[in-house]
C-alpha atoms as a PDB file:
ATOM      1  CA  UNK A   1      80.000 107.777 107.354  1.00  0.00           C
ATOM      2  CA  UNK A   2      82.831 108.396 104.920  1.00  0.00           C
ATOM      3  CA  UNK A   3      83.744 105.980 102.155  1.00  0.00           C
ATOM      4  CA  UNK A   4      86.007 103.024 102.914  1.00  0.00           C
ATOM      5  CA  UNK A   5      88.170 103.179  99.800  1.00  0.00           C
ATOM      6  CA  UNK A   6      89.714  99.765 100.330  1.00  0.00           C
ATOM      7  CA  UNK A   7      86.251  98.199 100.222  1.00  0.00           C
ATOM      8  CA  UNK A   8      85.113 100.402  97.323  1.00  0.00           C
ATOM      9  CA  UNK A   9      88.122  99.608  95.137  1.00  0.00           C
ATOM     10  CA  UNK A  10      87.751  95.887  95.845  1.00  0.00           C
ATOM     11  CA  UNK A  11      84.048  95.976  95.007  1.00  0.00           C
ATOM     12  CA  UNK A  12      84.899  97.699  91.707  1.00  0.00           C
ATOM     13  CA  UNK A  13      87.317  94.887  90.844  1.00  0.00           C
ATOM     14  CA  UNK A  14      90.490  96.861  91.506  1.00  0.00           C
ATOM     15  CA  UNK A  15      93.488  96.380  93.771  1.00  0.00           C
ATOM     16  CA  UNK A  16      93.593  98.900  96.641  1.00  0.00           C
ATOM     17  CA  UNK A  17      97.030 100.337  97.393  1.00  0.00           C
ATOM     18  CA  UNK A  18      97.946 101.384 100.914  1.00  0.00           C
ATOM     19  CA  UNK A  19     100.807 102.651 103.017  1.00  0.00           C
ATOM     20  CA  UNK A  20     101.868 102.058 106.622  1.00  0.00           C
ATOM     21  CA  UNK A  21     102.541 104.962 108.974  1.00  0.00           C
ATOM     22  CA  UNK A  22     105.171 103.998 111.525  1.00  0.00           C
ATOM     23  CA  UNK A  23     107.626 106.842 112.065  1.00  0.00           C
ATOM     24  CA  UNK A  24     106.034 109.852 110.383  1.00  0.00           C
ATOM     25  CA  UNK A  25     102.762 110.161 112.266  1.00  0.00           C
ATOM     26  CA  UNK A  26     102.583 113.891 111.627  1.00  0.00           C
ATOM     27  CA  UNK A  27      99.726 116.300 111.027  1.00  0.00           C
ATOM     28  CA  UNK A  28     100.761 116.582 107.373  1.00  0.00           C
ATOM     29  CA  UNK A  29     100.969 112.908 106.494  1.00  0.00           C
ATOM     30  CA  UNK A  30      97.342 112.573 105.389  1.00  0.00           C
ATOM     31  CA  UNK A  31      97.702 115.417 102.894  1.00  0.00           C
ATOM     32  CA  UNK A  32     100.967 113.910 101.628  1.00  0.00           C
ATOM     33  CA  UNK A  33      99.344 110.545 100.956  1.00  0.00           C
ATOM     34  CA  UNK A  34      96.273 111.768  99.093  1.00  0.00           C
ATOM     35  CA  UNK A  35      97.977 113.194  95.958  1.00  0.00           C
ATOM     36  CA  UNK A  36     100.170 110.087  95.830  1.00  0.00           C
ATOM     37  CA  UNK A  37      97.044 108.086  95.035  1.00  0.00           C
ATOM     38  CA  UNK A  38      97.038 106.017  98.211  1.00  0.00           C
ATOM     39  CA  UNK A  39      93.691 104.386  98.968  1.00  0.00           C
ATOM     40  CA  UNK A  40      94.262 103.521 102.632  1.00  0.00           C
ATOM     41  CA  UNK A  41      96.778 104.032 105.416  1.00  0.00           C
ATOM     42  CA  UNK A  42      97.558 101.808 108.383  1.00  0.00           C
ATOM     43  CA  UNK A  43      98.650 103.587 111.562  1.00  0.00           C
ATOM     44  CA  UNK A  44     101.004 101.172 113.310  1.00  0.00           C
ATOM     45  CA  UNK A  45     100.754 100.841 117.080  1.00  0.00           C
ATOM     46  CA  UNK A  46     102.373  97.406 117.278  1.00  0.00           C
ATOM     47  CA  UNK A  47     105.959  98.384 116.524  1.00  0.00           C
ATOM     48  CA  UNK A  48     105.901 102.048 117.560  1.00  0.00           C
ATOM     49  CA  UNK A  49     105.387 104.145 120.655  1.00  0.00           C
ATOM     50  CA  UNK A  50     102.295 105.908 119.349  1.00  0.00           C
ATOM     51  CA  UNK A  51      99.558 106.513 121.899  1.00  0.00           C
ATOM     52  CA  UNK A  52      95.771 106.581 121.680  1.00  0.00           C
ATOM     53  CA  UNK A  53      96.012 110.360 121.771  1.00  0.00           C
ATOM     54  CA  UNK A  54      98.310 110.309 118.721  1.00  0.00           C
ATOM     55  CA  UNK A  55      95.787 108.098 116.905  1.00  0.00           C
ATOM     56  CA  UNK A  56      92.993 110.535 117.764  1.00  0.00           C
ATOM     57  CA  UNK A  57      95.022 113.450 116.381  1.00  0.00           C
ATOM     58  CA  UNK A  58      95.791 111.571 113.162  1.00  0.00           C
ATOM     59  CA  UNK A  59      92.177 110.553 112.666  1.00  0.00           C
ATOM     60  CA  UNK A  60      91.183 114.207 112.823  1.00  0.00           C
ATOM     61  CA  UNK A  61      93.662 115.061 110.064  1.00  0.00           C
ATOM     62  CA  UNK A  62      92.563 112.108 107.927  1.00  0.00           C
ATOM     63  CA  UNK A  63      89.044 113.520 107.896  1.00  0.00           C
ATOM     64  CA  UNK A  64      90.380 116.184 105.528  1.00  0.00           C
ATOM     65  CA  UNK A  65      91.309 113.634 102.832  1.00  0.00           C
ATOM     66  CA  UNK A  66      89.792 110.676 101.003  1.00  0.00           C
ATOM     67  CA  UNK A  67      92.466 108.223 102.202  1.00  0.00           C
ATOM     68  CA  UNK A  68      90.870 105.616 104.491  1.00  0.00           C
ATOM     69  CA  UNK A  69      92.634 105.254 107.869  1.00  0.00           C
ATOM     70  CA  UNK A  70      93.043 101.920 109.650  1.00  0.00           C
ATOM     71  CA  UNK A  71      94.902 101.183 112.890  1.00  0.00           C
ATOM     72  CA  UNK A  72      97.137  98.196 113.599  1.00  0.00           C
ATOM     73  CA  UNK A  73      96.675  97.577 117.305  1.00  0.00           C
ATOM     74  CA  UNK A  74      99.414  95.987 119.456  1.00  0.00           C
ATOM     75  CA  UNK A  75      97.174  93.180 120.709  1.00  0.00           C
ATOM     76  CA  UNK A  76      93.550  92.113 120.138  1.00  0.00           C
ATOM     77  CA  UNK A  77      92.371  93.820 123.311  1.00  0.00           C
ATOM     78  CA  UNK A  78      89.048  95.636 123.422  1.00  0.00           C
ATOM     79  CA  UNK A  79      90.394  98.969 124.620  1.00  0.00           C
ATOM     80  CA  UNK A  80      92.919  99.191 121.766  1.00  0.00           C
ATOM     81  CA  UNK A  81      90.284  98.454 119.141  1.00  0.00           C
ATOM     82  CA  UNK A  82      87.450 100.520 120.625  1.00  0.00           C
ATOM     83  CA  UNK A  83      89.552 103.647 121.162  1.00  0.00           C
ATOM     84  CA  UNK A  84      90.984 103.469 117.642  1.00  0.00           C
ATOM     85  CA  UNK A  85      87.535 103.135 116.087  1.00  0.00           C
ATOM     86  CA  UNK A  86      85.837 105.724 118.292  1.00  0.00           C
ATOM     87  CA  UNK A  87      88.580 108.181 117.292  1.00  0.00           C
ATOM     88  CA  UNK A  88      87.526 107.742 113.674  1.00  0.00           C
ATOM     89  CA  UNK A  89      89.426 104.696 112.410  1.00  0.00           C
ATOM     90  CA  UNK A  90      87.638 102.846 109.619  1.00  0.00           C
ATOM     91  CA  UNK A  91      88.997  99.476 110.669  1.00  0.00           C
ATOM     92  CA  UNK A  92      91.609  97.614 112.658  1.00  0.00           C
ATOM     93  CA  UNK A  93      94.472  95.310 111.778  1.00  0.00           C
ATOM     94  CA  UNK A  94      95.096  92.539 114.302  1.00  0.00           C
ATOM     95  CA  UNK A  95      98.545  90.942 114.573  1.00  0.00           C
ATOM     96  CA  UNK A  96      99.031  87.178 114.522  1.00  0.00           C
ATOM     97  CA  UNK A  97      95.478  85.865 114.396  1.00  0.00           C
ATOM     98  CA  UNK A  98      95.798  82.086 114.679  1.00  0.00           C
ATOM     99  CA  UNK A  99      92.271  80.723 115.209  1.00  0.00           C
ATOM    100  CA  UNK A 100      88.669  81.312 114.260  1.00  0.00           C
ATOM    101  CA  UNK A 101      87.873  81.894 117.937  1.00  0.00           C
ATOM    102  CA  UNK A 102      90.375  84.753 118.029  1.00  0.00           C
ATOM    103  CA  UNK A 103      88.867  86.215 114.853  1.00  0.00           C
ATOM    104  CA  UNK A 104      85.361  86.029 116.348  1.00  0.00           C
ATOM    105  CA  UNK A 105      86.502  87.921 119.433  1.00  0.00           C
ATOM    106  CA  UNK A 106      87.898  90.679 117.217  1.00  0.00           C
ATOM    107  CA  UNK A 107      84.683  90.929 115.218  1.00  0.00           C
ATOM    108  CA  UNK A 108      82.698  91.105 118.456  1.00  0.00           C
ATOM    109  CA  UNK A 109      84.779  94.083 119.602  1.00  0.00           C
ATOM    110  CA  UNK A 110      84.639  95.895 116.258  1.00  0.00           C
ATOM    111  CA  UNK A 111      81.028  95.424 115.148  1.00  0.00           C
ATOM    112  CA  UNK A 112      77.914  96.818 116.757  1.00  0.00           C
ATOM    113  CA  UNK A 113      75.005  94.533 117.670  1.00  0.00           C
ATOM    114  CA  UNK A 114      73.681  92.294 116.283  1.00  0.00           C
ATOM    115  CA  UNK A 115      77.005  91.358 114.624  1.00  0.00           C
ATOM    116  CA  UNK A 116      79.081  92.123 117.717  1.00  0.00           C
ATOM    117  CA  UNK A 117      79.190  93.773 121.088  1.00  0.00           C
ATOM    118  CA  UNK A 118      81.000  97.037 120.410  1.00  0.00           C
ATOM    119  CA  UNK A 119      80.182  99.666 122.997  1.00  0.00           C
ATOM    120  CA  UNK A 120      78.183 102.683 121.887  1.00  0.00           C
ATOM    121  CA  UNK A 121      79.785 106.106 122.197  1.00  0.00           C
ATOM    122  CA  UNK A 122      77.949 108.502 119.888  1.00  0.00           C
ATOM    123  CA  UNK A 123      78.285 112.270 119.767  1.00  0.00           C
ATOM    124  CA  UNK A 124      82.085 111.933 119.875  1.00  0.00           C
ATOM    125  CA  UNK A 125      84.818 112.281 117.244  1.00  0.00           C
ATOM    126  CA  UNK A 126      83.383 109.174 115.594  1.00  0.00           C
ATOM    127  CA  UNK A 127      80.264 111.091 114.538  1.00  0.00           C
ATOM    128  CA  UNK A 128      81.883 114.538 114.288  1.00  0.00           C
ATOM    129  CA  UNK A 129      80.517 115.351 117.753  1.00  0.00           C
ATOM    130  CA  UNK A 130      76.945 115.138 116.502  1.00  0.00           C
ATOM    131  CA  UNK A 131      74.284 112.580 117.369  1.00  0.00           C
ATOM    132  CA  UNK A 132      73.046 110.509 114.419  1.00  0.00           C
ATOM    133  CA  UNK A 133      69.407 111.142 113.595  1.00  0.00           C
ATOM    134  CA  UNK A 134      68.884 107.404 113.145  1.00  0.00           C
ATOM    135  CA  UNK A 135      71.224 105.420 115.440  1.00  0.00           C
ATOM    136  CA  UNK A 136      70.074 102.051 114.070  1.00  0.00           C
ATOM    137  CA  UNK A 137      70.932 103.126 110.523  1.00  0.00           C
ATOM    138  CA  UNK A 138      74.293 104.417 111.715  1.00  0.00           C
ATOM    139  CA  UNK A 139      75.143 101.099 113.399  1.00  0.00           C
ATOM    140  CA  UNK A 140      74.244  99.184 110.240  1.00  0.00           C
ATOM    141  CA  UNK A 141      76.336 101.502 108.058  1.00  0.00           C
ATOM    142  CA  UNK A 142      79.268 101.344 110.455  1.00  0.00           C
ATOM    143  CA  UNK A 143      79.201  97.547 110.476  1.00  0.00           C
ATOM    144  CA  UNK A 144      79.269  97.458 106.673  1.00  0.00           C
ATOM    145  CA  UNK A 145      82.048 100.040 106.269  1.00  0.00           C
ATOM    146  CA  UNK A 146      84.391  99.089 109.121  1.00  0.00           C
ATOM    147  CA  UNK A 147      87.138  96.655 108.090  1.00  0.00           C
ATOM    148  CA  UNK A 148      88.506  93.751 110.111  1.00  0.00           C
ATOM    149  CA  UNK A 149      91.993  92.817 108.910  1.00  0.00           C
ATOM    150  CA  UNK A 150      93.468  89.630 110.391  1.00  0.00           C
ATOM    151  CA  UNK A 151      97.196  89.165 110.035  1.00  0.00           C
ATOM    152  CA  UNK A 152      98.320  85.609 109.278  1.00  0.00           C
ATOM    153  CA  UNK A 153     101.823  85.504 110.729  1.00  0.00           C
ATOM    154  CA  UNK A 154     102.465  81.929 111.832  1.00  0.00           C
ATOM    155  CA  UNK A 155     102.299  78.362 110.594  1.00  0.00           C
ATOM    156  CA  UNK A 156      99.313  77.856 112.910  1.00  0.00           C
ATOM    157  CA  UNK A 157      97.577  80.848 111.375  1.00  0.00           C
ATOM    158  CA  UNK A 158      98.123  79.445 107.885  1.00  0.00           C
ATOM    159  CA  UNK A 159      96.739  76.072 108.976  1.00  0.00           C
ATOM    160  CA  UNK A 160      93.599  77.824 110.271  1.00  0.00           C
ATOM    161  CA  UNK A 161      93.367  80.441 107.509  1.00  0.00           C
ATOM    162  CA  UNK A 162      90.224  78.886 106.060  1.00  0.00           C
ATOM    163  CA  UNK A 163      88.381  78.980 109.372  1.00  0.00           C
ATOM    164  CA  UNK A 164      89.556  82.543 110.020  1.00  0.00           C
ATOM    165  CA  UNK A 165      88.401  83.677 106.565  1.00  0.00           C
ATOM    166  CA  UNK A 166      85.061  81.935 107.092  1.00  0.00           C
ATOM    167  CA  UNK A 167      84.401  84.031 110.193  1.00  0.00           C
ATOM    168  CA  UNK A 168      81.557  86.473 109.558  1.00  0.00           C
ATOM    169  CA  UNK A 169      82.821  90.024 109.823  1.00  0.00           C
ATOM    170  CA  UNK A 170      86.416  89.323 108.776  1.00  0.00           C
ATOM    171  CA  UNK A 171      87.257  91.232 105.591  1.00  0.00           C
ATOM    172  CA  UNK A 172      90.944  90.668 104.905  1.00  0.00           C
ATOM    173  CA  UNK A 173      93.642  88.068 105.524  1.00  0.00           C
ATOM    174  CA  UNK A 174      96.939  89.965 105.624  1.00  0.00           C
ATOM    175  CA  UNK A 175     100.077  87.852 105.279  1.00  0.00           C
ATOM    176  CA  UNK A 176     102.686  89.115 107.742  1.00  0.00           C
ATOM    177  CA  UNK A 177     105.529  87.738 105.671  1.00  0.00           C
ATOM    178  CA  UNK A 178     108.496  88.317 107.960  1.00  0.00           C
ATOM    179  CA  UNK A 179     106.880  86.858 111.065  1.00  0.00           C
ATOM    180  CA  UNK A 180     105.465  84.027 108.985  1.00  0.00           C
ATOM    181  CA  UNK A 181     108.894  83.119 107.636  1.00  0.00           C
ATOM    182  CA  UNK A 182     110.317  83.170 111.179  1.00  0.00           C
ATOM    183  CA  UNK A 183     107.505  80.952 112.420  1.00  0.00           C
ATOM    184  CA  UNK A 184     108.315  78.477 109.641  1.00  0.00           C
ATOM    185  CA  UNK A 185     112.012  78.386 110.536  1.00  0.00           C
ATOM    186  CA  UNK A 186     113.092  80.076 107.283  1.00  0.00           C
ATOM    187  CA  UNK A 187     113.535  83.718 108.370  1.00  0.00           C
ATOM    188  CA  UNK A 188     113.541  86.130 105.459  1.00  0.00           C
ATOM    189  CA  UNK A 189     113.545  83.372 102.796  1.00  0.00           C
ATOM    190  CA  UNK A 190     110.586  84.563 100.767  1.00  0.00           C
ATOM    191  CA  UNK A 191     111.401  82.259  97.847  1.00  0.00           C
ATOM    192  CA  UNK A 192     111.453  79.073  99.888  1.00  0.00           C
ATOM    193  CA  UNK A 193     108.936  76.558  98.470  1.00  0.00           C
ATOM    194  CA  UNK A 194     107.280  76.163 101.870  1.00  0.00           C
ATOM    195  CA  UNK A 195     106.869  79.912 102.233  1.00  0.00           C
ATOM    196  CA  UNK A 196     105.346  80.275  98.771  1.00  0.00           C
ATOM    197  CA  UNK A 197     103.015  77.382  99.538  1.00  0.00           C
ATOM    198  CA  UNK A 198     101.908  79.163 102.707  1.00  0.00           C
ATOM    199  CA  UNK A 199     101.229  82.352 100.761  1.00  0.00           C
ATOM    200  CA  UNK A 200      99.146  80.394  98.273  1.00  0.00           C
ATOM    201  CA  UNK A 201      97.213  78.904 101.181  1.00  0.00           C
ATOM    202  CA  UNK A 202      96.375  82.386 102.476  1.00  0.00           C
ATOM    203  CA  UNK A 203      95.129  83.457  99.038  1.00  0.00           C
ATOM    204  CA  UNK A 204      93.144  80.249  98.600  1.00  0.00           C
ATOM    205  CA  UNK A 205      91.481  80.616 102.005  1.00  0.00           C
ATOM    206  CA  UNK A 206      90.569  84.237 101.300  1.00  0.00           C
ATOM    207  CA  UNK A 207      89.194  83.470  97.843  1.00  0.00           C
ATOM    208  CA  UNK A 208      87.169  80.504  99.033  1.00  0.00           C
ATOM    209  CA  UNK A 209      85.249  82.681 101.477  1.00  0.00           C
ATOM    210  CA  UNK A 210      84.981  85.853  99.418  1.00  0.00           C
ATOM    211  CA  UNK A 211      87.586  87.762 101.408  1.00  0.00           C
ATOM    212  CA  UNK A 212      90.645  89.735 100.283  1.00  0.00           C
ATOM    213  CA  UNK A 213      94.267  88.630 100.616  1.00  0.00           C
ATOM    214  CA  UNK A 214      96.698  91.421 101.472  1.00  0.00           C
ATOM    215  CA  UNK A 215     100.398  91.938 102.026  1.00  0.00           C
ATOM    216  CA  UNK A 216     103.147  94.522 102.197  1.00  0.00           C
ATOM    217  CA  UNK A 217     105.974  93.528  99.849  1.00  0.00           C
ATOM    218  CA  UNK A 218     109.319  95.248 100.279  1.00  0.00           C
ATOM    219  CA  UNK A 219     110.112  95.613  96.583  1.00  0.00           C
ATOM    220  CA  UNK A 220     108.585  95.505  93.112  1.00  0.00           C
ATOM    221  CA  UNK A 221     109.770  91.949  92.481  1.00  0.00           C
ATOM    222  CA  UNK A 222     107.866  90.637  95.499  1.00  0.00           C
ATOM    223  CA  UNK A 223     104.871  92.804  94.650  1.00  0.00           C
ATOM    224  CA  UNK A 224     104.663  91.306  91.175  1.00  0.00           C
ATOM    225  CA  UNK A 225     105.081  87.797  92.517  1.00  0.00           C
ATOM    226  CA  UNK A 226     102.370  88.240  95.144  1.00  0.00           C
ATOM    227  CA  UNK A 227      99.966  89.762  92.649  1.00  0.00           C
ATOM    228  CA  UNK A 228     100.578  86.741  90.426  1.00  0.00           C
ATOM    229  CA  UNK A 229      99.780  84.512  93.417  1.00  0.00           C
ATOM    230  CA  UNK A 230      96.422  86.271  93.696  1.00  0.00           C
ATOM    231  CA  UNK A 231      96.882  88.916  96.386  1.00  0.00           C
ATOM    232  CA  UNK A 232      94.211  91.567  95.947  1.00  0.00           C
ATOM    233  CA  UNK A 233      95.335  94.303  98.384  1.00  0.00           C
ATOM    234  CA  UNK A 234      98.870  95.729  98.435  1.00  0.00           C
ATOM    235  CA  UNK A 235     100.386  98.086 101.010  1.00  0.00           C
ATOM    236  CA  UNK A 236     103.393  99.841  99.562  1.00  0.00           C
ATOM    237  CA  UNK A 237     105.886  99.871 102.398  1.00  0.00           C
ATOM    238  CA  UNK A 238     106.258 101.568 105.722  1.00  0.00           C
ATOM    239  CA  UNK A 239     107.068 105.267 105.742  1.00  0.00           C
ATOM    240  CA  UNK A 240     110.558 104.877 107.224  1.00  0.00           C
ATOM    241  CA  UNK A 241     111.543 102.228 104.664  1.00  0.00           C
ATOM    242  CA  UNK A 242     110.472 104.414 101.747  1.00  0.00           C
ATOM    243  CA  UNK A 243     112.200 107.461 103.198  1.00  0.00           C
ATOM    244  CA  UNK A 244     115.423 105.555 103.835  1.00  0.00           C
ATOM    245  CA  UNK A 245     115.445 103.988 100.378  1.00  0.00           C
ATOM    246  CA  UNK A 246     114.664 107.200  98.514  1.00  0.00           C
ATOM    247  CA  UNK A 247     117.048 109.338 100.539  1.00  0.00           C
ATOM    248  CA  UNK A 248     119.881 106.824 100.175  1.00  0.00           C
ATOM    249  CA  UNK A 249     119.417 106.589  96.402  1.00  0.00           C
ATOM    250  CA  UNK A 250     119.154 110.325  95.844  1.00  0.00           C
ATOM    251  CA  UNK A 251     122.071 111.244  98.110  1.00  0.00           C
ATOM    252  CA  UNK A 252     124.196 108.665  96.278  1.00  0.00           C
ATOM    253  CA  UNK A 253     123.162 110.196  92.931  1.00  0.00           C
ATOM    254  CA  UNK A 254     123.948 113.682  94.260  1.00  0.00           C
ATOM    255  CA  UNK A 255     127.404 112.639  95.476  1.00  0.00           C
ATOM    256  CA  UNK A 256     128.244 111.344  91.999  1.00  0.00           C
ATOM    257  CA  UNK A 257     127.771 114.909  90.761  1.00  0.00           C
ATOM    258  CA  UNK A 258     129.847 116.560  93.476  1.00  0.00           C
ATOM    259  CA  UNK A 259     133.278 117.956  92.516  1.00  0.00           C
END
């Protein structure tokens, strides 16, 4: 299997940097991300209309680069996770994980036996349409390289963050900051003391169990603050947000030069 760069960078003591693909799920996006130095990409199915077929197409293009592709599924349902992984995804992001039981169900769907109960479909896109010479070795390697990313997006999720992080097979606690702030009754107030306390709780839970704490800050100020809090994985924005921000700034600069 290919390298999971998020895992590799973490193991080397670095901070992996990612990017979320929401609007621009094109055949060229993988090649655009690689020279930018992105370690991983998350293909978003929760807030988009992308299909399993679109995911399969993207996974084929990501095989041409070193950027590690993950898929955020709409719900923790087996068919969403299995199809994304069998297409070539190196991991899944699960929205709004609130309990250890929910995390265990995800791990069961993502990991092969004996860690889970993922169905076996070899000789497909997952294995480049070839059969592994040693299936047992392949299953072991897949289990070690496939990431399970649990989003903590509610007050209940924060309260259970320790139990979620303690779940064998979970790799990352990802703070879904907007949904978390809404759940806490302080929508969009990312400087509220209660919100910052919740973010610290996510980091503490991850650290206690040897897992990574991740987030997707919307600006450099938040990024710096979250890194200071101890976040160890950063996703730098969704594609549409970056495009909108850059285009707005550069068009404004251009108009200042117009006669």
